[in-house]
Amino acid sequence: MNRHTVSVALLWLALTALGELLVLRVGLFPVAAADEAVMVDRAFRVLMVLGVPVFAFVVATLGYSVLRFRSRGQPTEDGPPVHIHRPWVVFWFAWTTALTLVVIIHPGFTGLREIRSHAARPVDLTVQVQGGRWFWMVTYPEQRVTTVKELVLPVGRHVRFDVTATDVLHSFWIPAFRMKIDAVPGMVTTVSATPTQTGSFAEDAQFRLQCAELCGLNHADMTVPVRVVTESEFQAWVAAQARQTRTVGAR
């Protein structure tokens, strides 16, 4: 093993250690306010842990090559071409293939199975969400409440969102929950989430229902505040919405 290989290996180990430290110790993710968000973040962290050595190897190899073998003006002609380095080709192919198979199995298959099994739990609350340019209409069919002002959810309750659209393709996305699904005209798609902590858009911008599919001129403004509250606060909000509906109807 020559000194260049040793130098690249030491640089690779140092960059890998620094990268893994950042991934495991530094808070890289926004607030995770649902069970599903924890699952998604866990899968993403696994991908980052596995990807750091690959990224570090590429950076170490390229960086060392550029700095160590840069041109010093002489000679001016090209060096002899290097067509292939068979051991490195075999090593790189075997390493990346094994890494790909690992992430397909975990968190790929295992993560999807975890999310799907969680979505199959009994539903505590159904919310119908209809997207249109450029608004979200939120309906609670069991509570007979409809609003376009905010999405209010009780903490600790398994919620199923029935999502559709009235005009063009939109995308239902709550960043704090990490769950996203297309809102398709003429079709109802479903996605589930179980909020695990109270919060609101006023406290953290991740608590919002955002369109994540480019849908026209005011796409960026197609957002509704999300508020996760206690069960008693949710029931009080439902009662207040019902009273407001009756008052408007009486007029």
Protein backbone atom coordinates (compact mmCIF):
# COMPACT_ATOMS: atom_id res chain seq x y z
CA MET A 1 0.00 0.00 0.00
CA ASN A 2 1.60 3.28 -1.12
CA ARG A 3 1.60 6.53 0.82
CA HIS A 4 -1.08 8.11 -1.38
CA THR A 5 -3.52 5.32 -0.54
CA VAL A 6 -2.72 5.65 3.16
CA SER A 7 -3.22 9.42 3.00
CA VAL A 8 -6.59 9.08 1.27
CA ALA A 9 -7.66 6.39 3.75
CA LEU A 10 -6.76 8.55 6.76
CA LEU A 11 -8.54 11.56 5.26
CA TRP A 12 -11.57 9.37 4.52
CA LEU A 13 -11.69 8.06 8.10
CA ALA A 14 -11.46 11.60 9.51
CA LEU A 15 -14.22 12.95 7.24
CA THR A 16 -16.41 9.91 7.96
CA ALA A 17 -16.02 10.33 11.72
CA LEU A 18 -16.86 14.04 11.47
CA GLY A 19 -19.87 13.36 9.25
CA GLU A 20 -21.25 10.62 11.49
CA LEU A 21 -20.84 12.89 14.51
CA LEU A 22 -22.87 15.59 12.80
CA VAL A 23 -25.59 13.12 11.78
CA LEU A 24 -25.92 11.50 15.21
CA ARG A 25 -25.34 14.48 17.49
CA VAL A 26 -26.58 17.57 15.69
CA GLY A 27 -30.33 18.23 15.42
CA LEU A 28 -30.77 18.20 11.66
CA PHE A 29 -34.51 17.63 11.55
CA PRO A 30 -37.44 19.99 12.18
CA VAL A 31 -39.97 19.26 14.90
CA ALA A 32 -41.40 15.72 14.73
CA ALA A 33 -44.96 16.12 15.98
CA ALA A 34 -46.44 12.75 14.94
CA ASP A 35 -45.62 9.06 15.22
CA GLU A 36 -45.15 8.94 11.46
CA ALA A 37 -42.62 11.79 11.61
CA VAL A 38 -40.49 9.77 14.01
CA MET A 39 -40.58 6.79 11.61
CA VAL A 40 -39.61 8.93 8.62
CA ASP A 41 -36.82 10.68 10.50
CA ARG A 42 -35.45 7.36 11.72
CA ALA A 43 -35.34 6.04 8.16
CA PHE A 44 -33.72 9.22 6.89
CA ARG A 45 -31.11 9.07 9.64
CA VAL A 46 -30.23 5.50 8.63
CA LEU A 47 -29.75 6.64 5.03
CA MET A 48 -27.53 9.49 6.17
CA VAL A 49 -25.42 7.22 8.39
CA LEU A 50 -24.88 4.83 5.49
CA GLY A 51 -24.35 7.61 2.97
CA VAL A 52 -21.73 9.56 4.93
CA PRO A 53 -18.87 7.06 4.27
CA VAL A 54 -19.64 7.08 0.54
CA PHE A 55 -19.73 10.87 0.39
CA ALA A 56 -16.57 11.12 2.52
CA PHE A 57 -14.74 8.67 0.25
CA VAL A 58 -15.61 10.67 -2.88
CA VAL A 59 -14.61 13.97 -1.23
CA ALA A 60 -11.37 12.53 0.19
CA THR A 61 -10.34 10.96 -3.11
CA LEU A 62 -11.18 13.96 -5.27
CA GLY A 63 -9.80 16.49 -2.80
CA TYR A 64 -6.51 14.66 -2.33
CA SER A 65 -6.12 14.09 -6.08
CA VAL A 66 -6.79 17.74 -6.95
CA LEU A 67 -4.41 19.10 -4.30
CA ARG A 68 -1.65 16.50 -4.46
CA PHE A 69 -1.48 15.98 -8.22
CA ARG A 70 -2.32 19.47 -9.43
CA SER A 71 -0.30 20.88 -12.28
CA ARG A 72 2.85 22.81 -11.37
CA GLY A 73 3.40 24.11 -14.88
CA GLN A 74 5.78 21.39 -16.09
CA PRO A 75 5.48 19.29 -18.12
CA THR A 76 2.73 20.75 -20.32
CA GLU A 77 1.77 17.56 -22.16
CA ASP A 78 -0.84 15.07 -20.93
CA GLY A 79 0.27 12.09 -18.90
CA PRO A 80 -0.28 8.48 -19.97
CA PRO A 81 -3.97 7.48 -19.95
CA VAL A 82 -5.22 5.17 -17.21
CA HIS A 83 -7.97 2.98 -18.64
CA ILE A 84 -9.00 0.90 -15.64
CA HIS A 85 -8.00 -0.10 -12.15
CA ARG A 86 -9.71 -3.45 -11.84
CA PRO A 87 -9.43 -3.96 -8.04
CA TRP A 88 -10.99 -0.55 -7.39
CA VAL A 89 -13.77 -1.21 -9.90
CA VAL A 90 -14.62 -4.53 -8.26
CA PHE A 91 -14.45 -3.00 -4.77
CA TRP A 92 -16.66 -0.01 -5.67
CA PHE A 93 -19.23 -2.16 -7.46
CA ALA A 94 -19.43 -4.67 -4.58
CA TRP A 95 -19.63 -1.94 -1.92
CA THR A 96 -22.32 0.15 -3.60
CA THR A 97 -24.36 -2.93 -4.57
CA ALA A 98 -24.32 -4.22 -0.99
CA LEU A 99 -25.23 -0.78 0.33
CA THR A 100 -28.13 -0.52 -2.13
CA LEU A 101 -29.50 -3.91 -1.11
CA VAL A 102 -29.25 -2.95 2.56
CA VAL A 103 -31.25 0.27 2.20
CA ILE A 104 -33.85 -1.43 -0.01
CA ILE A 105 -34.49 -3.90 2.81
CA HIS A 106 -34.04 -1.42 5.67
CA PRO A 107 -35.38 1.18 5.89
CA GLY A 108 -37.09 0.53 2.54
CA PHE A 109 -39.31 -2.52 3.01
CA THR A 110 -39.25 -2.44 6.82
CA GLY A 111 -40.04 1.28 6.99
CA LEU A 112 -42.94 1.06 4.55
CA ARG A 113 -44.33 -1.91 6.45
CA GLU A 114 -44.12 0.01 9.73
CA ILE A 115 -45.95 3.03 8.33
CA ARG A 116 -48.61 0.90 6.63
CA SER A 117 -49.23 -1.19 9.75
CA HIS A 118 -49.55 2.02 11.76
CA ALA A 119 -52.04 3.41 9.22
CA ALA A 120 -54.13 0.23 9.58
CA ARG A 121 -54.89 1.03 13.23
CA PRO A 122 -58.48 1.97 14.15
CA VAL A 123 -59.27 5.54 13.15
CA ASP A 124 -60.22 7.96 15.92
CA LEU A 125 -61.02 10.92 13.70
CA THR A 126 -61.73 11.34 10.00
CA VAL A 127 -60.98 14.64 8.30
CA GLN A 128 -61.95 15.39 4.71
CA VAL A 129 -59.59 17.81 2.98
CA GLN A 130 -60.41 19.40 -0.36
CA GLY A 131 -57.84 21.43 -2.24
CA GLY A 132 -58.59 24.14 -4.78
CA ARG A 133 -56.67 27.05 -6.25
CA TRP A 134 -55.56 28.35 -3.81
CA PHE A 135 -57.22 27.19 -0.60
CA TRP A 136 -57.85 24.14 1.58
CA MET A 137 -61.35 23.29 2.77
CA VAL A 138 -61.34 21.12 5.88
CA THR A 139 -64.43 19.12 6.87
CA TYR A 140 -65.02 17.05 9.99
CA PRO A 141 -67.97 14.88 8.85
CA GLU A 142 -68.74 13.32 12.23
CA GLN A 143 -68.64 16.70 13.96
CA ARG A 144 -70.43 18.48 11.06
CA VAL A 145 -67.82 21.22 10.93
CA THR A 146 -66.31 22.81 7.82
CA THR A 147 -63.67 25.52 7.78
CA VAL A 148 -61.06 27.07 5.52
CA LYS A 149 -59.28 28.94 8.31
CA GLU A 150 -57.33 26.24 10.14
CA LEU A 151 -56.85 22.52 10.67
CA VAL A 152 -57.36 21.60 14.33
CA LEU A 153 -56.46 18.13 15.59
CA PRO A 154 -56.54 16.44 19.00
CA VAL A 155 -53.22 15.18 20.30
CA GLY A 156 -52.79 11.42 20.62
CA ARG A 157 -55.65 10.57 18.25
CA HIS A 158 -55.15 8.55 15.08
CA VAL A 159 -56.44 10.75 12.25
CA ARG A 160 -57.26 9.68 8.71
CA PHE A 161 -57.26 12.38 6.05
CA ASP A 162 -59.44 11.81 2.97
CA VAL A 163 -57.90 14.11 0.39
CA THR A 164 -59.18 15.31 -2.98
CA ALA A 165 -59.04 18.36 -5.26
CA THR A 166 -61.56 20.40 -7.23
CA ASP A 167 -59.49 21.69 -10.16
CA VAL A 168 -55.85 20.67 -10.68
CA LEU A 169 -53.37 18.39 -8.97
CA HIS A 170 -52.37 19.53 -5.48
CA SER A 171 -50.41 17.83 -2.71
CA PHE A 172 -51.40 17.52 0.95
CA TRP A 173 -48.39 18.03 3.22
CA ILE A 174 -47.94 18.81 6.91
CA PRO A 175 -44.18 19.25 7.50
CA ALA A 176 -44.38 18.53 11.24
CA PHE A 177 -46.01 15.16 10.44
CA ARG A 178 -43.76 14.39 7.39
CA MET A 179 -46.76 12.80 5.63
CA LYS A 180 -47.61 13.82 2.10
CA ILE A 181 -50.08 12.62 -0.52
CA ASP A 182 -51.41 13.93 -3.83
CA ALA A 183 -54.80 15.63 -3.97
CA VAL A 184 -56.25 14.46 -7.29
CA PRO A 185 -59.45 15.82 -8.89
CA GLY A 186 -62.15 13.15 -9.03
CA MET A 187 -60.28 10.82 -6.69
CA VAL A 188 -60.01 10.42 -2.91
CA THR A 189 -56.59 9.54 -1.54
CA THR A 190 -55.94 8.78 2.12
CA VAL A 191 -53.09 9.36 4.53
CA SER A 192 -52.93 8.93 8.30
CA ALA A 193 -51.10 10.61 11.15
CA THR A 194 -51.12 10.47 14.93
CA PRO A 195 -50.11 13.83 16.48
CA THR A 196 -47.91 13.34 19.54
CA GLN A 197 -47.48 16.88 20.83
CA THR A 198 -49.46 20.06 20.96
CA GLY A 199 -48.38 22.99 18.87
CA SER A 200 -49.48 25.60 16.38
CA PHE A 201 -48.31 27.55 13.36
CA ALA A 202 -47.82 30.60 15.58
CA GLU A 203 -45.22 28.65 17.58
CA ASP A 204 -43.58 26.69 14.77
CA ALA A 205 -44.04 27.15 11.01
CA GLN A 206 -43.83 23.36 10.52
CA PHE A 207 -47.41 23.20 11.85
CA ARG A 208 -49.09 24.05 8.58
CA LEU A 209 -51.01 22.34 5.80
CA GLN A 210 -49.08 23.20 2.67
CA CYS A 211 -49.62 22.42 -0.99
CA ALA A 212 -46.45 20.65 -2.15
CA GLU A 213 -47.33 20.41 -5.86
CA LEU A 214 -46.84 23.38 -8.17
CA CYS A 215 -50.42 24.34 -8.97
CA GLY A 216 -50.37 27.85 -10.36
CA LEU A 217 -49.65 31.48 -9.63
CA ASN A 218 -50.44 31.48 -5.89
CA HIS A 219 -49.13 28.00 -5.11
CA ALA A 220 -46.84 29.30 -2.35
CA ASP A 221 -49.80 30.90 -0.57
CA MET A 222 -51.88 27.69 -0.51
CA THR A 223 -51.39 27.03 3.16
CA VAL A 224 -53.58 26.62 6.25
CA PRO A 225 -52.37 26.84 9.87
CA VAL A 226 -52.41 23.57 11.82
CA ARG A 227 -53.14 23.51 15.53
CA VAL A 228 -52.74 20.39 17.68
CA VAL A 229 -54.60 20.70 20.97
CA THR A 230 -55.75 18.57 23.89
CA GLU A 231 -58.92 16.52 23.61
CA SER A 232 -60.89 18.95 25.78
CA GLU A 233 -59.70 21.92 23.74
CA PHE A 234 -60.65 20.12 20.54
CA GLN A 235 -64.17 19.42 21.81
CA ALA A 236 -64.49 23.06 22.88
CA TRP A 237 -63.37 24.20 19.42
CA VAL A 238 -65.91 21.87 17.74
CA ALA A 239 -68.68 23.25 19.97
CA ALA A 240 -67.65 26.83 19.15
CA GLN A 241 -67.68 26.07 15.42
CA ALA A 242 -71.14 24.51 15.73
CA ARG A 243 -72.47 27.59 17.55
CA GLN A 244 -70.98 29.83 14.89
CA THR A 245 -72.61 27.76 12.15
CA ARG A 246 -76.01 27.99 13.84
CA THR A 247 -75.61 31.75 14.25
CA VAL A 248 -74.77 32.23 10.59
CA GLY A 249 -77.67 29.97 9.60
CA ALA A 250 -80.10 31.96 11.73
CA ARG A 251 -79.18 35.12 9.87
